[in-house]
Protein backbone atom coordinates (compact mmCIF):
# COMPACT_ATOMS: atom_id res chain seq x y z
CA MET A 1 -32.32 -28.79 -24.30
CA PHE A 2 -34.01 -27.00 -27.33
CA LEU A 3 -37.23 -26.88 -25.39
CA ALA A 4 -35.48 -25.31 -22.28
CA ILE A 5 -33.70 -22.76 -24.18
CA LYS A 6 -36.82 -22.11 -26.15
CA GLU A 7 -38.88 -21.33 -23.07
CA MET A 8 -36.00 -19.40 -21.26
CA ARG A 9 -36.36 -16.84 -24.33
CA HIS A 10 -39.95 -16.78 -24.03
CA SER A 11 -40.13 -16.08 -20.09
CA LYS A 12 -37.01 -13.62 -19.89
CA THR A 13 -38.03 -11.50 -17.18
CA ARG A 14 -38.71 -14.59 -14.96
CA PHE A 15 -35.52 -16.23 -15.68
CA ILE A 16 -33.41 -13.19 -15.37
CA MET A 17 -34.59 -12.57 -11.88
CA ILE A 18 -34.14 -16.15 -10.62
CA GLY A 19 -30.60 -15.71 -12.38
CA ALA A 20 -29.92 -12.68 -10.48
CA ILE A 21 -30.43 -14.33 -7.36
CA ILE A 22 -28.14 -17.32 -8.32
CA MET A 23 -25.57 -14.51 -9.22
CA LEU A 24 -25.74 -12.83 -6.05
CA ILE A 25 -25.23 -15.85 -4.16
CA ALA A 26 -22.38 -16.70 -5.95
CA TRP A 27 -20.93 -13.27 -5.50
CA LEU A 28 -21.48 -13.63 -1.86
CA VAL A 29 -19.54 -16.85 -1.99
CA PHE A 30 -16.61 -15.74 -3.87
CA ILE A 31 -16.17 -12.46 -1.78
CA LEU A 32 -16.16 -14.34 1.46
CA SER A 33 -13.76 -16.98 -0.03
CA GLY A 34 -11.49 -14.01 -1.05
CA LEU A 35 -11.51 -12.34 2.23
CA GLY A 36 -10.99 -15.70 3.97
CA ASN A 37 -8.00 -16.58 1.84
CA GLY A 38 -6.78 -13.11 2.39
CA LEU A 39 -6.76 -13.43 6.13
CA ALA A 40 -5.26 -16.73 5.89
CA SER A 41 -2.37 -15.61 3.69
CA LEU A 42 -1.82 -12.66 6.33
CA ALA A 43 -1.54 -15.08 9.33
CA ALA A 44 0.77 -17.77 7.50
CA SER A 45 1.92 -16.87 3.98
CA THR A 46 5.67 -17.00 5.16
CA MET A 47 5.19 -20.43 6.51
CA LYS A 48 3.13 -21.78 3.43
CA ASN A 49 6.11 -20.46 1.17
CA ILE A 50 8.56 -22.56 2.87
CA ASP A 51 9.33 -25.58 0.67
CA GLY A 52 9.75 -27.82 3.68
CA ASP A 53 8.79 -31.58 3.99
CA LEU A 54 9.08 -31.93 7.79
CA PHE A 55 9.49 -29.31 10.51
CA ILE A 56 11.39 -29.78 13.90
CA TYR A 57 9.69 -28.17 16.91
CA GLU A 58 10.26 -28.06 20.66
CA GLU A 59 8.44 -31.10 22.42
CA GLY A 60 5.11 -30.12 23.67
CA SER A 61 4.82 -27.04 21.52
CA GLU A 62 1.68 -28.49 19.58
CA ALA A 63 3.19 -27.09 16.27
CA SER A 64 2.78 -23.42 17.44
CA ILE A 65 5.86 -21.41 16.52
CA MET A 66 5.18 -19.18 19.40
CA LYS A 67 5.88 -22.00 21.99
CA THR A 68 8.97 -23.35 20.32
CA LYS A 69 12.74 -23.04 20.79
CA VAL A 70 15.16 -25.88 19.90
CA SER A 71 18.97 -26.03 19.30
CA GLY A 72 20.32 -24.98 15.72
CA ALA A 73 23.13 -27.46 16.16
CA ILE A 74 20.53 -30.18 15.06
CA ALA A 75 20.21 -28.66 11.81
CA ASP A 76 24.15 -28.84 11.27
CA ASP A 77 24.21 -32.46 12.36
CA ILE A 78 21.07 -33.64 10.69
CA GLU A 79 21.95 -33.06 6.94
CA GLY A 80 22.64 -36.24 5.11
CA LYS A 81 21.05 -38.38 7.74
CA TYR A 82 17.54 -40.00 8.14
CA GLY A 83 16.47 -39.06 4.63
CA VAL A 84 17.19 -35.34 5.15
CA THR A 85 18.94 -33.61 2.05
CA GLU A 86 18.86 -30.04 3.53
CA ALA A 87 18.11 -28.39 6.83
CA ALA A 88 17.56 -24.80 7.32
CA LYS A 89 17.20 -22.88 10.58
CA PHE A 90 14.30 -20.38 11.35
CA GLY A 91 13.95 -17.82 14.08
CA GLN A 92 10.96 -15.51 14.55
CA SER A 93 10.28 -12.38 16.97
CA THR A 94 7.85 -9.56 17.02
CA ILE A 95 9.45 -6.06 16.78
CA ILE A 96 8.69 -2.38 16.26
CA VAL A 97 10.65 -0.60 13.68
CA LYS A 98 10.90 2.81 12.19
CA LYS A 99 12.74 4.36 9.44
CA GLU A 100 15.47 6.62 10.11
CA GLU A 101 14.68 10.30 9.61
CA SER A 102 11.90 9.70 7.52
CA LYS A 103 9.26 12.13 6.52
CA ASP A 104 7.10 9.49 4.44
CA VAL A 105 6.66 6.90 7.36
CA LYS A 106 5.30 8.97 10.31
CA GLU A 107 4.67 5.98 12.67
CA LYS A 108 6.35 2.87 13.94
CA ASN A 109 5.46 -0.36 12.40
CA ASP A 110 4.93 -3.94 14.00
CA VAL A 111 6.77 -6.53 11.96
CA ALA A 112 7.72 -10.20 11.82
CA PHE A 113 11.31 -10.41 12.54
CA ILE A 114 12.55 -13.61 10.78
CA GLY A 115 16.09 -15.08 10.86
CA ILE A 116 17.02 -17.31 8.39
CA GLU A 117 20.39 -18.82 6.67
CA PRO A 118 21.22 -17.07 3.44
CA GLY A 119 21.28 -19.35 0.43
CA LYS A 120 18.99 -21.82 1.94
CA PHE A 121 15.86 -23.11 0.60
CA ILE A 122 13.93 -21.28 3.06
CA GLU A 123 14.98 -17.76 1.98
CA PRO A 124 12.34 -16.02 -0.18
CA THR A 125 13.09 -14.82 -3.70
CA VAL A 126 13.31 -11.11 -4.01
CA VAL A 127 11.29 -8.97 -6.65
CA LYS A 128 13.53 -5.96 -6.26
CA GLY A 129 17.23 -5.69 -4.94
CA ASN A 130 19.60 -8.40 -3.67
CA GLN A 131 19.26 -11.65 -1.68
CA LEU A 132 20.69 -11.89 1.59
CA ASP A 133 24.32 -12.22 2.19
CA SER A 134 26.04 -14.18 4.87
CA THR A 135 28.77 -11.36 5.15
CA ASP A 136 26.23 -8.87 5.46
CA LYS A 137 24.79 -9.15 8.95
CA LEU A 138 22.88 -6.17 8.93
CA GLY A 139 21.13 -6.43 5.66
CA VAL A 140 17.37 -7.41 5.37
CA LEU A 141 14.68 -8.28 3.10
CA ILE A 142 11.32 -6.62 3.38
CA ASP A 143 7.78 -7.31 2.30
CA GLU A 144 6.35 -5.27 -0.32
CA SER A 145 3.70 -4.07 2.19
CA LEU A 146 6.47 -2.23 3.97
CA GLN A 147 7.70 -0.68 0.78
CA LYS A 148 3.96 0.63 0.45
CA LYS A 149 4.36 2.35 3.73
CA GLY A 150 7.66 4.50 2.43
CA TYR A 151 10.37 1.95 3.10
CA GLU A 152 12.84 1.20 0.12
CA ILE A 153 16.13 -0.21 -0.81
CA GLY A 154 19.16 1.44 0.81
CA ASP A 155 16.86 2.72 3.81
CA THR A 156 18.02 2.33 7.26
CA ILE A 157 15.66 0.66 9.71
CA ILE A 158 15.93 1.01 13.40
CA VAL A 159 14.45 -1.45 15.93
CA THR A 160 13.00 0.87 18.68
CA SER A 161 13.76 -1.81 21.31
CA SER A 162 17.33 -1.78 20.81
CA GLN A 163 20.14 -0.13 19.09
CA LEU A 164 20.05 -2.47 16.18
CA GLU A 165 20.06 -0.65 12.98
CA LEU A 166 19.32 -2.54 9.66
CA GLU A 167 19.68 -1.74 5.86
CA VAL A 168 17.15 -2.66 3.43
CA ILE A 169 18.92 -4.59 0.50
CA GLY A 170 15.89 -6.41 -1.10
CA ILE A 171 11.97 -6.62 -1.25
CA THR A 172 10.04 -9.66 -1.34
CA LYS A 173 6.39 -10.17 -2.13
CA GLY A 174 3.59 -12.10 -0.24
CA GLU A 175 5.50 -12.69 2.92
CA THR A 176 3.42 -11.97 6.05
CA PHE A 177 3.72 -13.67 9.18
CA ASN A 178 0.87 -13.74 11.94
CA HIS A 179 -0.88 -10.73 10.11
CA LEU A 180 2.46 -8.64 10.05
CA PRO A 181 4.70 -7.66 7.33
CA THR A 182 8.01 -9.81 7.22
CA ILE A 183 11.31 -8.63 7.62
CA PHE A 184 14.20 -11.48 6.90
CA VAL A 185 17.67 -11.16 8.17
CA ASN A 186 20.62 -13.31 8.70
CA ILE A 187 19.97 -15.77 11.54
CA ASP A 188 23.05 -14.56 13.47
CA THR A 189 21.88 -11.21 13.69
CA TRP A 190 18.40 -12.62 14.83
CA GLN A 191 20.01 -14.45 17.43
CA SER A 192 21.91 -11.39 18.98
CA TYR A 193 18.75 -9.65 19.19
CA ALA A 194 16.41 -12.63 20.45
CA PHE A 195 18.62 -14.06 23.09
CA ALA A 196 20.23 -10.63 24.13
CA ALA A 197 18.98 -11.11 27.65
CA PRO A 198 21.40 -13.60 29.97
CA GLY A 199 19.75 -16.99 30.05
CA SER A 200 17.12 -16.51 27.47
CA ASP A 201 18.37 -19.05 25.26
CA ASN A 202 17.56 -21.81 27.97
CA GLY A 203 21.08 -22.94 27.50
CA LEU A 204 20.49 -24.20 24.14
CA GLU A 205 23.41 -24.55 21.61
CA ASP A 206 22.58 -22.15 18.73
CA PRO A 207 19.06 -21.58 19.69
CA VAL A 208 16.37 -21.05 16.93
CA SER A 209 12.41 -21.31 16.85
CA MET A 210 12.50 -24.25 14.57
CA ILE A 211 14.06 -26.22 11.77
CA ALA A 212 12.79 -26.81 8.40
CA LEU A 213 13.73 -30.04 6.46
CA GLN A 214 13.69 -31.17 3.00
CA GLY A 215 13.99 -34.82 1.84
CA SER A 216 11.90 -37.30 -0.31
CA SER A 217 11.58 -40.11 2.62
CA ILE A 218 12.63 -38.28 6.05
CA GLU A 219 12.46 -40.66 8.90
CA SER A 220 10.77 -38.68 11.50
CA GLU A 221 10.52 -41.23 14.21
CA LYS A 222 14.18 -41.84 14.02
CA ILE A 223 14.86 -38.09 14.21
CA GLU A 224 12.58 -37.79 17.45
CA GLU A 225 14.44 -40.79 18.80
CA ASN A 226 18.03 -39.49 18.41
CA TYR A 227 17.43 -36.06 19.48
CA ASP A 228 15.95 -34.94 22.94
CA LEU A 229 13.04 -32.65 23.60
CA ILE A 230 11.86 -32.26 19.97
CA GLU A 231 8.82 -33.15 18.05
CA THR A 232 8.46 -33.37 14.13
CA PHE A 233 5.57 -31.82 12.15
CA SER A 234 4.14 -31.87 8.63
CA LYS A 235 3.91 -28.67 6.70
CA SER A 236 0.22 -28.58 6.97
CA GLU A 237 0.41 -29.28 10.83
CA ALA A 238 2.95 -26.30 11.13
CA VAL A 239 0.64 -23.94 9.10
CA MET A 240 -2.36 -24.95 11.16
CA GLY A 241 -0.47 -24.13 14.13
CA MET A 242 0.12 -20.66 13.22
CA PRO A 243 -1.75 -18.41 15.86
CA GLY A 244 -5.32 -17.79 15.09
CA TYR A 245 -4.94 -19.57 11.44
CA LYS A 246 -7.08 -22.76 12.59
CA GLU A 247 -9.79 -20.77 14.02
CA GLU A 248 -9.98 -18.03 11.26
CA SER A 249 -10.18 -20.81 8.70
CA ALA A 250 -12.78 -22.85 10.59
CA THR A 251 -15.00 -19.59 10.75
CA ILE A 252 -14.78 -18.97 7.12
CA TYR A 253 -15.18 -22.31 6.01
CA MET A 254 -18.32 -22.82 8.50
CA MET A 255 -19.95 -19.65 6.84
CA LEU A 256 -19.33 -20.90 3.27
CA ALA A 257 -20.78 -24.17 4.35
CA PHE A 258 -24.15 -22.59 5.66
CA LEU A 259 -24.05 -20.47 2.48
CA PHE A 260 -24.13 -23.38 0.34
CA ALA A 261 -26.71 -25.05 2.52
CA ILE A 262 -28.91 -22.09 2.25
CA SER A 263 -28.26 -21.53 -1.40
CA ALA A 264 -29.56 -25.38 -2.09
CA VAL A 265 -32.76 -24.57 -0.24
CA ILE A 266 -33.25 -21.05 -1.82
CA ILE A 267 -32.65 -22.53 -5.42
CA ALA A 268 -34.85 -25.54 -4.69
CA VAL A 269 -37.80 -23.71 -3.47
CA PHE A 270 -37.56 -21.13 -6.36
CA PHE A 271 -37.62 -24.01 -8.74
CA TYR A 272 -40.34 -25.82 -6.75
CA VAL A 273 -42.52 -22.90 -7.25
CA PHE A 274 -41.78 -22.36 -10.82
CA ILE A 275 -42.84 -25.90 -11.29
CA LEU A 276 -45.99 -25.56 -9.57
CA GLN A 277 -46.86 -22.59 -11.67
CA LYS A 278 -46.44 -24.59 -14.92
CA THR A 279 -48.35 -27.70 -13.86
CA GLN A 280 -51.14 -27.20 -16.65
CA GLN A 281 -48.32 -26.84 -19.22
CA PHE A 282 -46.83 -30.20 -17.73
CA GLY A 283 -50.00 -31.74 -17.87
CA VAL A 284 -50.66 -30.74 -21.70
CA MET A 285 -47.27 -32.25 -22.54
CA LYS A 286 -47.77 -35.49 -20.61
CA ALA A 287 -51.37 -35.73 -22.47
CA ILE A 288 -49.73 -35.42 -25.86
CA GLY A 289 -47.24 -38.28 -25.11
CA ALA A 290 -44.38 -36.26 -23.38
CA SER A 291 -42.69 -38.68 -20.73
CA ASN A 292 -41.74 -37.66 -17.08
CA ARG A 293 -38.02 -38.00 -18.05
CA PHE A 294 -38.45 -35.54 -20.99
CA ILE A 295 -39.98 -33.18 -18.93
CA LYS A 296 -37.41 -33.69 -16.06
CA ASN A 297 -34.50 -33.31 -18.46
CA SER A 298 -35.99 -30.01 -19.93
CA ILE A 299 -36.30 -28.50 -16.34
CA ILE A 300 -32.81 -29.54 -15.25
CA SER A 301 -31.31 -28.42 -18.46
CA GLN A 302 -32.92 -24.85 -17.73
CA VAL A 303 -31.32 -24.89 -14.25
CA PHE A 304 -27.90 -26.00 -15.69
CA VAL A 305 -27.57 -23.35 -18.22
CA LEU A 306 -29.45 -20.60 -16.05
CA SER A 307 -26.89 -21.44 -13.13
CA LEU A 308 -23.85 -21.64 -15.19
CA VAL A 309 -24.38 -18.41 -17.06
CA SER A 310 -25.42 -16.85 -13.38
CA ILE A 311 -22.35 -18.15 -11.87
CA ILE A 312 -20.00 -16.88 -14.49
CA ALA A 313 -21.51 -13.49 -13.98
CA GLY A 314 -20.87 -13.96 -10.13
CA ILE A 315 -17.12 -14.38 -11.03
CA VAL A 316 -17.05 -11.45 -13.31
CA LEU A 317 -18.67 -9.35 -10.62
CA THR A 318 -16.27 -10.56 -7.90
CA TYR A 319 -13.31 -9.52 -9.71
CA LEU A 320 -14.80 -6.26 -10.63
CA THR A 321 -15.70 -5.72 -6.92
CA ALA A 322 -12.06 -6.67 -6.00
CA LEU A 323 -10.75 -3.65 -7.95
CA VAL A 324 -12.49 -1.06 -5.90
CA PHE A 325 -11.51 -2.75 -2.57
CA PRO A 326 -9.24 -0.55 -0.54
CA GLU A 327 -5.54 -1.28 -0.91
CA GLY A 328 -4.85 -2.72 2.54
CA MET A 329 -8.14 -5.05 2.65
CA PRO A 330 -6.81 -8.66 2.95
CA PHE A 331 -8.37 -10.19 -0.20
CA ASN A 332 -6.84 -12.96 -2.14
CA LEU A 333 -8.93 -14.54 -4.85
CA ASP A 334 -7.22 -17.91 -5.66
CA PHE A 335 -8.75 -19.15 -9.12
CA LYS A 336 -8.39 -22.69 -8.47
CA MET A 337 -10.77 -22.17 -5.32
CA VAL A 338 -13.09 -19.95 -7.51
CA LEU A 339 -13.21 -23.05 -9.92
CA ILE A 340 -13.82 -25.42 -7.01
CA TYR A 341 -16.66 -23.31 -5.75
CA ALA A 342 -18.26 -22.58 -8.73
CA ALA A 343 -18.58 -26.38 -9.54
CA VAL A 344 -19.93 -26.77 -6.04
CA LEU A 345 -22.55 -24.04 -6.76
CA LEU A 346 -23.58 -25.62 -9.93
CA ILE A 347 -23.74 -28.97 -8.47
CA VAL A 348 -25.76 -27.36 -5.66
CA SER A 349 -28.19 -25.85 -8.21
CA VAL A 350 -28.65 -28.99 -10.29
CA LEU A 351 -29.48 -31.22 -7.22
CA GLY A 352 -32.04 -28.65 -6.08
CA SER A 353 -33.52 -28.65 -9.46
CA ILE A 354 -33.61 -32.38 -9.46
CA ILE A 355 -35.42 -32.65 -6.16
CA SER A 356 -38.03 -30.02 -7.35
CA ALA A 357 -38.46 -31.70 -10.78
CA ARG A 358 -39.77 -34.83 -9.11
CA GLN A 359 -42.92 -33.34 -8.58
CA VAL A 360 -43.58 -33.67 -12.32
CA THR A 361 -44.12 -37.57 -11.78
CA LYS A 362 -47.22 -36.54 -9.33
CA ILE A 363 -48.98 -34.31 -11.88
CA ASP A 364 -52.14 -36.06 -13.61
CA PRO A 365 -52.58 -34.79 -17.08
CA LEU A 366 -56.47 -34.87 -16.51
CA THR A 367 -56.51 -32.98 -13.65
CA ALA A 368 -53.92 -30.30 -14.73
CA ILE A 369 -55.51 -29.64 -18.08
CA GLY A 370 -58.86 -28.85 -16.27
CA ARG A 371 -56.93 -26.80 -13.59
CA VAL A 372 -57.62 -22.87 -13.57
CA GLU A 373 -54.49 -20.85 -12.86
């Protein structure tokens, strides 16, 4: 390690240039990660925030919230059975709203209209205002992204496709559904809107979109056997069933995978050329008794230190870049994911150096000493 640090101090320009390349690669990886995570959050944050263990959907829905409609009576009946400790109804629609006589909000807004039961585990925690109240059928919770558009507690929201007028009583954070800000309302109010047309409930008793269940050992097979036309899914399956979520995630992960592979090749090539340039130096070291293992350890130590510093610099650069992103840009940098990707980049760098360092074993001291560079 001493020899590695000594050489890095001596050839500062060379190592700074290589470090800058690694830093830029790390920066690109973290930026793509943040953008991908931001898009995923917009698509399914409300579903991810539900602390449910199992979800009941309509049979044949393929875990898609857009294709399901089940009887809410199941939720009332299933609590205390089959390992279920609590069941919560969930309804969703997409609506267009506007603020009554607003000068701040000049356009209508598409929102996800979510019906829930007040007090159930499915209800999000407000950061400002009050929680939903079962006695207040017109009170709603809105996501903070709507607050940034001018909606505040006490405002009246008009659903443009009906005569429904709602009052904002609380504000939540990080609640988006299918890339839209979420409005939470009492499940009864949602049902009166969603199934206003005769026959739209398909003859279901107390119709909802799906039912979320909590329980340590839920017997999913028995639930499916005892209730008709339903399927059960895990939380991960329910999240993956969100419209576009799987495709968006797959695209981002594929880009990151290619980027990691390209990074490995670039770093390996850089150090391969670097080692070739130092052939005479390594020949002298081997002639005076330095072993192949000693030289390879020196090379790997250099790469480890250089990569570690460069990756940390890339992380800092990423967070600084995030500060100047437009407010509406879907960027969400999860620190745990940053650590994972940083570790992967470090491993990729070290593996690339190990492959390159193998060239040291092929160096003949006599030939290298007499070589003219």
